[in-house]
Amino acid sequence: MRGAWLQAATDVLFRNRPVPRKQLFAESLWSRLGDCVGVVTMFLSAVTFAKSKSKTILVKMLSQAGTGYSFNTKRSRLREKLTLLHYDPIVKAKVLFVEQKKIRSL
């Protein structure tokens, strides 16, 4: 009975076109696992979708006034290291900040 239902489902889904390899693999797992259809489809989707690299990263900016004050900002992954003027509350003036290190990808 299970095989007949599976055949009818594949005919409806694919309208007698060649069945993709992924579907054949799932059918063989269905026959082995029984009623665990949700687990199989979740497994297949996890394998087929790969993560891409993020476009932005979080970096730590350190004050060049020697106060040790720092803040975090984000920048494009492809851009060169940041140097910018920003307010340092310890000196109470705008000073040069230089990118110290990458914290994480965003």
C-alpha atoms as a PDB file:
ATOM      1  CA  MET A   1       0.000   0.000   0.000  1.00  0.00           C
ATOM      2  CA  ARG A   2       2.795   2.411   0.846  1.00  0.00           C
ATOM      3  CA  GLY A   3       4.447   1.835  -2.531  1.00  0.00           C
ATOM      4  CA  ALA A   4       1.228   2.583  -4.446  1.00  0.00           C
ATOM      5  CA  TRP A   5       0.746   5.861  -2.598  1.00  0.00           C
ATOM      6  CA  LEU A   6       4.357   6.811  -3.264  1.00  0.00           C
ATOM      7  CA  GLN A   7       4.013   6.061  -6.972  1.00  0.00           C
ATOM      8  CA  ALA A   8       0.823   8.129  -7.198  1.00  0.00           C
ATOM      9  CA  ALA A   9       2.483  11.022  -5.355  1.00  0.00           C
ATOM     10  CA  THR A  10       5.498  11.052  -7.668  1.00  0.00           C
ATOM     11  CA  ASP A  11       3.245  10.924 -10.758  1.00  0.00           C
ATOM     12  CA  VAL A  12       1.259  13.921  -9.511  1.00  0.00           C
ATOM     13  CA  LEU A  13       4.301  15.901  -8.401  1.00  0.00           C
ATOM     14  CA  PHE A  14       6.470  15.322 -11.450  1.00  0.00           C
ATOM     15  CA  ARG A  15       3.773  14.628 -14.117  1.00  0.00           C
ATOM     16  CA  ASN A  16       5.651  11.649 -15.584  1.00  0.00           C
ATOM     17  CA  ARG A  17       8.885  13.607 -16.034  1.00  0.00           C
ATOM     18  CA  PRO A  18      12.208  12.040 -15.037  1.00  0.00           C
ATOM     19  CA  VAL A  19      12.452  12.001 -11.259  1.00  0.00           C
ATOM     20  CA  PRO A  20      15.463  13.913  -9.833  1.00  0.00           C
ATOM     21  CA  ARG A  21      18.166  11.940  -8.023  1.00  0.00           C
ATOM     22  CA  LYS A  22      17.306  13.701  -4.788  1.00  0.00           C
ATOM     23  CA  GLN A  23      13.767  12.340  -5.016  1.00  0.00           C
ATOM     24  CA  LEU A  24      15.012   8.815  -5.742  1.00  0.00           C
ATOM     25  CA  PHE A  25      17.261   9.021  -2.689  1.00  0.00           C
ATOM     26  CA  ALA A  26      14.313  10.170  -0.573  1.00  0.00           C
ATOM     27  CA  GLU A  27      12.135   7.321  -1.862  1.00  0.00           C
ATOM     28  CA  SER A  28      14.738   4.760  -0.844  1.00  0.00           C
ATOM     29  CA  LEU A  29      14.930   6.342   2.606  1.00  0.00           C
ATOM     30  CA  TRP A  30      11.120   6.391   2.875  1.00  0.00           C
ATOM     31  CA  SER A  31      10.981   2.678   2.238  1.00  0.00           C
ATOM     32  CA  ARG A  32      13.562   2.093   4.992  1.00  0.00           C
ATOM     33  CA  LEU A  33      12.345   4.608   7.558  1.00  0.00           C
ATOM     34  CA  GLY A  34       8.602   4.184   7.174  1.00  0.00           C
ATOM     35  CA  ASP A  35       6.657   7.228   8.377  1.00  0.00           C
ATOM     36  CA  CYS A  36       9.637   9.587   8.942  1.00  0.00           C
ATOM     37  CA  VAL A  37       8.941  11.671   5.839  1.00  0.00           C
ATOM     38  CA  GLY A  38       9.471  15.005   7.614  1.00  0.00           C
ATOM     39  CA  VAL A  39      12.904  13.979   8.837  1.00  0.00           C
ATOM     40  CA  VAL A  40      13.974  12.964   5.342  1.00  0.00           C
ATOM     41  CA  THR A  41      12.849  16.198   3.704  1.00  0.00           C
ATOM     42  CA  MET A  42      14.497  18.247   6.469  1.00  0.00           C
ATOM     43  CA  PHE A  43      17.730  16.297   5.945  1.00  0.00           C
ATOM     44  CA  LEU A  44      17.623  16.856   2.185  1.00  0.00           C
ATOM     45  CA  SER A  45      16.983  20.576   2.483  1.00  0.00           C
ATOM     46  CA  ALA A  46      19.819  20.982   5.000  1.00  0.00           C
ATOM     47  CA  VAL A  47      22.242  19.325   2.601  1.00  0.00           C
ATOM     48  CA  THR A  48      21.201  21.234  -0.510  1.00  0.00           C
ATOM     49  CA  PHE A  49      21.309  24.776   0.934  1.00  0.00           C
ATOM     50  CA  ALA A  50      24.837  26.004   1.670  1.00  0.00           C
ATOM     51  CA  LYS A  51      25.628  29.228   3.517  1.00  0.00           C
ATOM     52  CA  SER A  52      27.407  32.017   1.690  1.00  0.00           C
ATOM     53  CA  LYS A  53      29.994  34.366   3.152  1.00  0.00           C
ATOM     54  CA  SER A  54      28.594  37.476   4.765  1.00  0.00           C
ATOM     55  CA  LYS A  55      29.088  40.823   3.036  1.00  0.00           C
ATOM     56  CA  THR A  56      29.851  42.833   6.180  1.00  0.00           C
ATOM     57  CA  ILE A  57      32.065  42.298   9.218  1.00  0.00           C
ATOM     58  CA  LEU A  58      32.155  43.838  12.693  1.00  0.00           C
ATOM     59  CA  VAL A  59      35.495  45.500  13.560  1.00  0.00           C
ATOM     60  CA  LYS A  60      36.954  47.129  16.681  1.00  0.00           C
ATOM     61  CA  MET A  61      38.186  50.722  16.272  1.00  0.00           C
ATOM     62  CA  LEU A  62      40.902  51.924  18.691  1.00  0.00           C
ATOM     63  CA  SER A  63      41.692  55.550  19.544  1.00  0.00           C
ATOM     64  CA  GLN A  64      45.144  56.794  18.505  1.00  0.00           C
ATOM     65  CA  ALA A  65      45.154  59.364  21.328  1.00  0.00           C
ATOM     66  CA  GLY A  66      46.414  56.642  23.668  1.00  0.00           C
ATOM     67  CA  THR A  67      43.347  56.650  25.920  1.00  0.00           C
ATOM     68  CA  GLY A  68      42.391  53.044  25.204  1.00  0.00           C
ATOM     69  CA  TYR A  69      38.882  54.083  24.191  1.00  0.00           C
ATOM     70  CA  SER A  70      37.404  51.898  21.470  1.00  0.00           C
ATOM     71  CA  PHE A  71      34.105  51.253  19.731  1.00  0.00           C
ATOM     72  CA  ASN A  72      32.739  48.687  17.308  1.00  0.00           C
ATOM     73  CA  THR A  73      31.526  49.406  13.798  1.00  0.00           C
ATOM     74  CA  LYS A  74      30.715  47.414  10.694  1.00  0.00           C
ATOM     75  CA  ARG A  75      32.382  47.597   7.301  1.00  0.00           C
ATOM     76  CA  SER A  76      32.232  45.809   3.973  1.00  0.00           C
ATOM     77  CA  ARG A  77      34.316  42.642   3.761  1.00  0.00           C
ATOM     78  CA  LEU A  78      35.974  43.795   0.524  1.00  0.00           C
ATOM     79  CA  ARG A  79      36.921  47.253   1.793  1.00  0.00           C
ATOM     80  CA  GLU A  80      40.391  48.067   3.137  1.00  0.00           C
ATOM     81  CA  LYS A  81      41.004  48.633   6.863  1.00  0.00           C
ATOM     82  CA  LEU A  82      39.143  51.625   8.288  1.00  0.00           C
ATOM     83  CA  THR A  83      40.723  54.820   9.606  1.00  0.00           C
ATOM     84  CA  LEU A  84      38.343  57.612  10.581  1.00  0.00           C
ATOM     85  CA  LEU A  85      37.867  60.668  12.760  1.00  0.00           C
ATOM     86  CA  HIS A  86      35.508  60.036  15.657  1.00  0.00           C
ATOM     87  CA  TYR A  87      34.772  61.662  19.008  1.00  0.00           C
ATOM     88  CA  ASP A  88      36.823  60.348  21.957  1.00  0.00           C
ATOM     89  CA  PRO A  89      34.939  61.171  25.208  1.00  0.00           C
ATOM     90  CA  ILE A  90      38.066  60.804  27.358  1.00  0.00           C
ATOM     91  CA  VAL A  91      39.998  63.494  25.430  1.00  0.00           C
ATOM     92  CA  LYS A  92      36.735  65.329  24.577  1.00  0.00           C
ATOM     93  CA  ALA A  93      37.840  65.894  20.996  1.00  0.00           C
ATOM     94  CA  LYS A  94      37.751  64.257  17.588  1.00  0.00           C
ATOM     95  CA  VAL A  95      40.746  61.961  17.163  1.00  0.00           C
ATOM     96  CA  LEU A  96      41.918  59.393  14.640  1.00  0.00           C
ATOM     97  CA  PHE A  97      40.611  55.839  15.112  1.00  0.00           C
ATOM     98  CA  VAL A  98      42.255  52.845  13.427  1.00  0.00           C
ATOM     99  CA  GLU A  99      40.787  49.392  12.901  1.00  0.00           C
ATOM    100  CA  GLN A 100      42.383  47.074  15.435  1.00  0.00           C
ATOM    101  CA  LYS A 101      40.834  43.671  14.732  1.00  0.00           C
ATOM    102  CA  LYS A 102      37.915  41.826  13.194  1.00  0.00           C
ATOM    103  CA  ILE A 103      35.365  40.744  15.795  1.00  0.00           C
ATOM    104  CA  ARG A 104      32.918  38.647  13.766  1.00  0.00           C
ATOM    105  CA  SER A 105      31.017  38.308  10.495  1.00  0.00           C
ATOM    106  CA  LEU A 106      27.533  39.788  10.238  1.00  0.00           C
END
